[in-house]
Amino acid sequence: MAEARGWRCAGLRWSENGPVWMWDGGRSSPLARGQRVAFAVAPEGRRTCVGARGHACPVRASVTGRSTGARCEECARLDRAHSVAADTLADDPRPYRVYLAWFGPGMVKVGITGAARGPARLLEQGAVVFSWLGQGPLMAARRAEELLRTALKVPDRIPYATKRAVRSALPGAAERRAEIAELHARVAELDGWPETLDRAPFHAVDHTGVFGLEGLPAAVGAVRELVPGGAVSGELLAAAGPDLHLSTGRGVVVLDTRLLTGWELTAADGDSVTVPVTESEDAGTQDGLF
């Protein structure tokens, strides 16, 4: 990242080849395990709203450092209003897929994603294992999603903090597959499946290797926010969803890359984290700086 001086981060995206830094202007920088991740915020830095639906915020509003959306209230409203989750796209002609995603023991969710996106949504969420359930029109996929949530008693959302807490202690491949396989079998027995939604056979896709989770050391904490003058530097051990697990002088620290959007970043040296970090429960609680 040394060449990315003065670049404004647009977040992390997942490609077929792995995670990629995105920068304003369409520039990108691929990430690889073992790579040094090092950046700083200028002492006079200010985090500004990233806008909505590809449009810049008209007032370049300031946003809080702890926001993972990096949008002001008005831009956040516009972004939600045009999202699939808002159910405002009932006439969307594109096909959608319903999926089951596993993040750890007892942590399974159901969701939908555009068929054209392939597994990108599952990579973005940090799903360790997933299987498709079916494909069809948007509203049929929505009905199936609601049916499965109720029948299987699984949520549509799992907090990232919960996902992070178990990544270094995942069970073996067979056990990872077993829980989602059992739920997929139960789906086949349910009544009320939308007629326009084609069912998909069980096929578990395991992202453990893609994310780099095998043998991952437990994290000592997670970056809570960036601040003017703060820096983050460490070796990339694993990347799952928006999270980077970095080996630093203090131990493994998780960086949610959604906290970077809206900041202008410059290169940094050293092997330290000088932004607020919340320690993992096993390590106590720290609200100060590392």
Protein backbone atom coordinates (compact mmCIF):
# COMPACT_ATOMS: atom_id res chain seq x y z
CA MET A 1 0.00 0.00 0.00
CA ALA A 2 3.02 2.31 0.09
CA GLU A 3 2.15 3.80 -3.27
CA ALA A 4 -1.38 4.77 -2.15
CA ARG A 5 -0.39 8.11 -0.60
CA GLY A 6 -3.27 10.53 -0.25
CA TRP A 7 -5.85 8.07 -1.57
CA ARG A 8 -9.43 8.04 -0.34
CA CYS A 9 -10.56 4.51 0.44
CA ALA A 10 -13.77 3.22 -1.16
CA GLY A 11 -13.81 -0.04 0.80
CA LEU A 12 -12.93 -3.68 0.28
CA ARG A 13 -14.37 -5.79 -2.54
CA TRP A 14 -14.11 -9.49 -3.22
CA SER A 15 -13.11 -10.80 -6.62
CA GLU A 16 -12.53 -14.34 -7.88
CA ASN A 17 -8.87 -13.87 -6.94
CA GLY A 18 -9.49 -12.61 -3.42
CA PRO A 19 -9.95 -9.30 -1.59
CA VAL A 20 -9.18 -6.00 -3.30
CA TRP A 21 -8.80 -2.49 -1.90
CA MET A 22 -10.95 -0.02 -3.83
CA TRP A 23 -10.05 3.65 -4.06
CA ASP A 24 -11.91 6.71 -5.31
CA GLY A 25 -11.48 7.09 -9.05
CA GLY A 26 -11.76 3.36 -9.72
CA ARG A 27 -8.23 2.43 -8.70
CA SER A 28 -7.73 -0.89 -6.94
CA SER A 29 -5.02 -2.77 -5.03
CA PRO A 30 -5.21 -6.55 -4.56
CA LEU A 31 -4.52 -7.96 -1.10
CA ALA A 32 -2.64 -11.17 -0.34
CA ARG A 33 -1.87 -12.99 2.88
CA GLY A 34 1.56 -12.14 4.20
CA GLN A 35 1.33 -8.63 2.77
CA ARG A 36 2.08 -5.62 4.93
CA VAL A 37 -0.98 -3.42 5.48
CA ALA A 38 0.07 0.01 6.72
CA PHE A 39 -1.73 3.34 6.54
CA ALA A 40 -2.27 6.53 8.51
CA VAL A 41 -4.80 9.34 8.76
CA ALA A 42 -3.46 12.89 8.56
CA PRO A 43 -3.55 14.79 11.89
CA GLU A 44 -6.02 17.25 10.35
CA GLY A 45 -7.96 14.48 8.57
CA ARG A 46 -11.76 14.51 8.35
CA ARG A 47 -14.08 11.64 7.46
CA THR A 48 -16.68 12.63 4.88
CA CYS A 49 -19.87 10.99 3.67
CA VAL A 50 -19.36 8.57 0.75
CA GLY A 51 -22.69 9.49 -0.86
CA ALA A 52 -25.33 7.10 -2.19
CA ARG A 53 -25.96 4.99 -5.30
CA GLY A 54 -22.83 6.21 -7.04
CA HIS A 55 -23.48 9.91 -6.37
CA ALA A 56 -21.31 12.09 -4.14
CA CYS A 57 -22.76 13.63 -1.02
CA PRO A 58 -23.86 17.14 -2.09
CA VAL A 59 -22.63 18.74 1.14
CA ARG A 60 -19.64 16.44 1.87
CA ALA A 61 -21.05 15.98 5.34
CA SER A 62 -18.81 14.80 8.17
CA VAL A 63 -19.56 11.35 9.58
CA THR A 64 -18.55 9.67 12.82
CA GLY A 65 -15.50 7.45 12.90
CA ARG A 66 -17.45 4.49 14.27
CA SER A 67 -19.96 4.34 11.40
CA THR A 68 -19.52 1.28 9.16
CA GLY A 69 -21.71 2.87 6.50
CA ALA A 70 -19.85 6.20 6.29
CA ARG A 71 -23.01 7.99 5.14
CA CYS A 72 -24.82 11.02 6.47
CA GLU A 73 -28.48 10.60 7.41
CA GLU A 74 -29.82 11.79 4.04
CA CYS A 75 -27.48 9.66 1.91
CA ALA A 76 -28.15 6.62 4.09
CA ARG A 77 -31.89 7.10 3.54
CA LEU A 78 -31.43 7.30 -0.23
CA ASP A 79 -29.21 4.24 -0.28
CA ARG A 80 -31.70 2.15 1.71
CA ALA A 81 -34.64 3.29 -0.43
CA HIS A 82 -33.09 1.78 -3.54
CA SER A 83 -31.76 -1.43 -2.03
CA VAL A 84 -33.13 -4.93 -2.55
CA ALA A 85 -33.72 -5.18 1.20
CA ALA A 86 -36.18 -2.26 1.02
CA ASP A 87 -38.61 -4.31 -1.13
CA THR A 88 -39.05 -1.37 -3.52
CA LEU A 89 -37.93 -3.35 -6.59
CA ALA A 90 -40.88 -5.72 -6.96
CA ASP A 91 -40.68 -5.59 -10.77
CA ASP A 92 -36.97 -6.40 -10.92
CA PRO A 93 -36.67 -8.92 -13.79
CA ARG A 94 -33.30 -10.33 -12.71
CA PRO A 95 -33.09 -13.80 -11.09
CA TYR A 96 -32.18 -14.10 -7.42
CA ARG A 97 -30.77 -16.91 -5.33
CA VAL A 98 -31.68 -17.98 -1.79
CA TYR A 99 -28.86 -19.36 0.35
CA LEU A 100 -27.95 -20.80 3.74
CA ALA A 101 -24.71 -19.43 5.21
CA TRP A 102 -22.73 -20.84 8.15
CA PHE A 103 -20.38 -18.63 10.19
CA GLY A 104 -19.65 -20.91 13.15
CA PRO A 105 -21.34 -23.45 15.43
CA GLY A 106 -24.98 -22.44 15.88
CA MET A 107 -24.57 -19.45 13.56
CA VAL A 108 -26.54 -20.01 10.36
CA LYS A 109 -28.50 -17.39 8.44
CA VAL A 110 -30.69 -17.34 5.37
CA GLY A 111 -30.51 -14.65 2.71
CA ILE A 112 -30.87 -13.75 -0.96
CA THR A 113 -28.50 -12.36 -3.57
CA GLY A 114 -28.59 -11.54 -7.26
CA ALA A 115 -27.81 -14.67 -9.31
CA ALA A 116 -25.43 -12.67 -11.49
CA ARG A 117 -23.24 -11.90 -8.48
CA GLY A 118 -22.39 -15.56 -7.90
CA PRO A 119 -20.83 -16.13 -4.44
CA ALA A 120 -19.66 -12.51 -4.02
CA ARG A 121 -22.30 -11.74 -1.38
CA LEU A 122 -21.24 -14.74 0.69
CA LEU A 123 -17.59 -13.68 0.54
CA GLU A 124 -18.56 -10.13 1.53
CA GLN A 125 -20.43 -11.43 4.58
CA GLY A 126 -17.60 -13.70 5.66
CA ALA A 127 -19.64 -16.91 5.27
CA VAL A 128 -17.36 -19.81 6.14
CA VAL A 129 -19.63 -22.39 4.46
CA PHE A 130 -22.73 -21.89 2.31
CA SER A 131 -25.15 -23.76 0.06
CA TRP A 132 -27.67 -22.48 -2.46
CA LEU A 133 -31.33 -23.29 -1.79
CA GLY A 134 -33.04 -22.08 -4.95
CA GLN A 135 -33.30 -19.50 -7.70
CA GLY A 136 -36.12 -17.46 -9.17
CA PRO A 137 -37.81 -14.01 -9.28
CA LEU A 138 -37.06 -11.50 -6.55
CA MET A 139 -40.41 -11.62 -4.77
CA ALA A 140 -40.44 -15.44 -4.81
CA ALA A 141 -36.95 -15.41 -3.30
CA ARG A 142 -38.18 -12.94 -0.68
CA ARG A 143 -41.14 -15.20 0.23
CA ALA A 144 -38.85 -18.20 0.53
CA GLU A 145 -36.46 -16.22 2.72
CA GLU A 146 -39.25 -15.31 5.15
CA LEU A 147 -40.59 -18.88 5.14
CA LEU A 148 -37.19 -20.33 5.98
CA ARG A 149 -36.41 -17.80 8.67
CA THR A 150 -39.57 -18.75 10.51
CA ALA A 151 -39.49 -22.49 9.88
CA LEU A 152 -35.79 -23.01 10.59
CA LYS A 153 -35.62 -20.36 13.32
CA VAL A 154 -32.56 -18.76 11.77
CA PRO A 155 -31.90 -15.01 11.48
CA ASP A 156 -31.28 -12.87 8.41
CA ARG A 157 -28.40 -11.11 10.10
CA ILE A 158 -25.49 -12.09 12.38
CA PRO A 159 -23.35 -9.33 13.93
CA TYR A 160 -19.78 -9.17 12.69
CA ALA A 161 -18.46 -9.12 16.25
CA THR A 162 -20.08 -12.54 16.75
CA LYS A 163 -18.53 -13.89 13.55
CA ARG A 164 -15.07 -12.61 14.50
CA ALA A 165 -15.17 -14.23 17.91
CA VAL A 166 -15.20 -17.79 16.51
CA ARG A 167 -12.96 -17.61 13.43
CA SER A 168 -9.83 -18.81 15.25
CA ALA A 169 -11.62 -21.83 16.79
CA LEU A 170 -13.69 -23.32 13.98
CA PRO A 171 -14.43 -27.08 13.97
CA GLY A 172 -13.19 -29.40 11.24
CA ALA A 173 -14.52 -29.49 7.70
CA ALA A 174 -16.98 -32.35 8.32
CA GLU A 175 -18.57 -30.61 11.27
CA ARG A 176 -18.72 -27.30 9.41
CA ARG A 177 -20.61 -29.02 6.61
CA ALA A 178 -22.92 -31.09 8.83
CA GLU A 179 -24.95 -28.28 10.37
CA ILE A 180 -25.79 -26.61 7.09
CA ALA A 181 -26.49 -30.00 5.46
CA GLU A 182 -29.06 -30.82 8.15
CA LEU A 183 -30.86 -27.51 7.64
CA HIS A 184 -30.82 -27.92 3.85
CA ALA A 185 -32.49 -31.31 4.25
CA ARG A 186 -35.18 -29.76 6.43
CA VAL A 187 -35.86 -27.17 3.73
CA ALA A 188 -36.76 -29.94 1.29
CA GLU A 189 -39.53 -31.07 3.63
CA LEU A 190 -41.17 -27.67 4.07
CA ASP A 191 -44.55 -26.77 2.60
CA GLY A 192 -45.17 -23.36 1.05
CA TRP A 193 -42.13 -23.22 -1.22
CA PRO A 194 -42.87 -20.65 -3.99
CA GLU A 195 -43.74 -22.39 -7.27
CA THR A 196 -41.63 -19.99 -9.33
CA LEU A 197 -38.50 -20.68 -7.30
CA ASP A 198 -36.43 -23.61 -8.56
CA ARG A 199 -34.88 -25.65 -5.76
CA ALA A 200 -31.12 -26.24 -5.71
CA PRO A 201 -29.48 -29.50 -4.53
CA PHE A 202 -27.22 -29.42 -1.50
CA HIS A 203 -23.65 -28.46 -2.32
CA ALA A 204 -21.46 -27.05 0.44
CA VAL A 205 -18.90 -24.42 -0.53
CA ASP A 206 -16.23 -23.93 2.16
CA HIS A 207 -14.36 -20.61 2.25
CA THR A 208 -11.95 -21.52 5.06
CA GLY A 209 -9.02 -21.73 2.67
CA VAL A 210 -10.08 -18.67 0.67
CA PHE A 211 -10.21 -16.59 3.85
CA GLY A 212 -7.03 -18.06 5.37
CA LEU A 213 -8.69 -19.24 8.58
CA GLU A 214 -6.77 -22.49 9.10
CA GLY A 215 -4.56 -22.06 12.16
CA LEU A 216 -5.59 -18.43 12.60
CA PRO A 217 -4.49 -17.11 16.02
CA ALA A 218 -7.14 -15.59 18.27
CA ALA A 219 -7.48 -11.81 18.00
CA VAL A 220 -6.61 -9.64 20.98
CA GLY A 221 -9.00 -6.93 19.81
CA ALA A 222 -10.67 -5.06 16.97
CA VAL A 223 -10.21 -1.51 15.70
CA ARG A 224 -13.15 0.55 16.93
CA GLU A 225 -12.61 3.62 14.73
CA LEU A 226 -9.99 5.62 12.88
CA VAL A 227 -8.97 9.02 14.21
CA PRO A 228 -6.94 11.94 12.83
CA GLY A 229 -3.26 11.18 13.29
CA GLY A 230 -3.89 7.47 13.94
CA ALA A 231 -2.16 4.62 12.13
CA VAL A 232 -2.64 0.89 11.56
CA SER A 233 0.19 -1.41 10.52
CA GLY A 234 0.50 -5.18 10.47
CA GLU A 235 0.91 -8.34 8.40
CA LEU A 236 -2.24 -9.71 6.79
CA LEU A 237 -2.99 -13.17 8.18
CA ALA A 238 -6.58 -13.62 6.99
CA ALA A 239 -9.40 -11.74 5.30
CA ALA A 240 -13.06 -12.65 5.80
CA GLY A 241 -15.90 -10.43 4.66
CA PRO A 242 -14.86 -6.84 5.38
CA ASP A 243 -12.45 -7.92 8.13
CA LEU A 244 -8.67 -8.08 7.93
CA HIS A 245 -6.87 -10.05 10.65
CA LEU A 246 -3.52 -8.32 11.11
CA SER A 247 -0.47 -9.48 13.04
CA THR A 248 0.79 -6.41 14.89
CA GLY A 249 3.31 -5.69 17.62
CA ARG A 250 0.51 -6.14 20.14
CA GLY A 251 -0.93 -9.35 18.68
CA VAL A 252 -3.64 -10.10 16.12
CA VAL A 253 -5.97 -7.14 15.62
CA VAL A 254 -9.08 -7.23 13.43
CA LEU A 255 -9.68 -4.27 11.14
CA ASP A 256 -13.20 -3.81 9.74
CA THR A 257 -12.37 -2.12 6.44
CA ARG A 258 -15.78 -0.44 6.38
CA LEU A 259 -14.28 1.94 8.96
CA LEU A 260 -11.80 3.19 6.33
CA THR A 261 -14.31 4.54 3.82
CA GLY A 262 -14.55 8.31 3.73
CA TRP A 263 -11.02 8.85 5.08
CA GLU A 264 -8.04 10.01 3.06
CA LEU A 265 -5.18 7.64 3.87
CA THR A 266 -1.41 7.86 3.47
CA ALA A 267 1.32 5.25 3.81
CA ALA A 268 2.69 4.44 7.26
CA ASP A 269 5.77 2.74 8.68
CA GLY A 270 6.32 0.61 11.74
CA ASP A 271 4.30 -2.25 13.20
CA SER A 272 1.80 -0.55 15.47
CA VAL A 273 -1.85 0.33 15.92
CA THR A 274 -2.41 3.84 17.26
CA VAL A 275 -6.19 4.08 16.91
CA PRO A 276 -8.87 3.09 19.46
CA VAL A 277 -9.14 -0.69 19.82
CA THR A 278 -11.71 -2.67 21.76
CA GLU A 279 -10.07 -5.73 23.28
CA SER A 280 -11.57 -9.18 22.98
CA GLU A 281 -13.45 -10.38 26.04
CA ASP A 282 -10.73 -12.91 26.88
CA ALA A 283 -8.20 -10.08 26.93
CA GLY A 284 -10.22 -7.72 29.09
CA THR A 285 -11.67 -4.40 27.97
CA GLN A 286 -9.65 -1.48 26.68
CA ASP A 287 -11.10 1.71 25.33
CA GLY A 288 -7.82 3.50 24.77
CA LEU A 289 -5.10 3.22 22.14
CA PHE A 290 -2.70 0.39 21.53
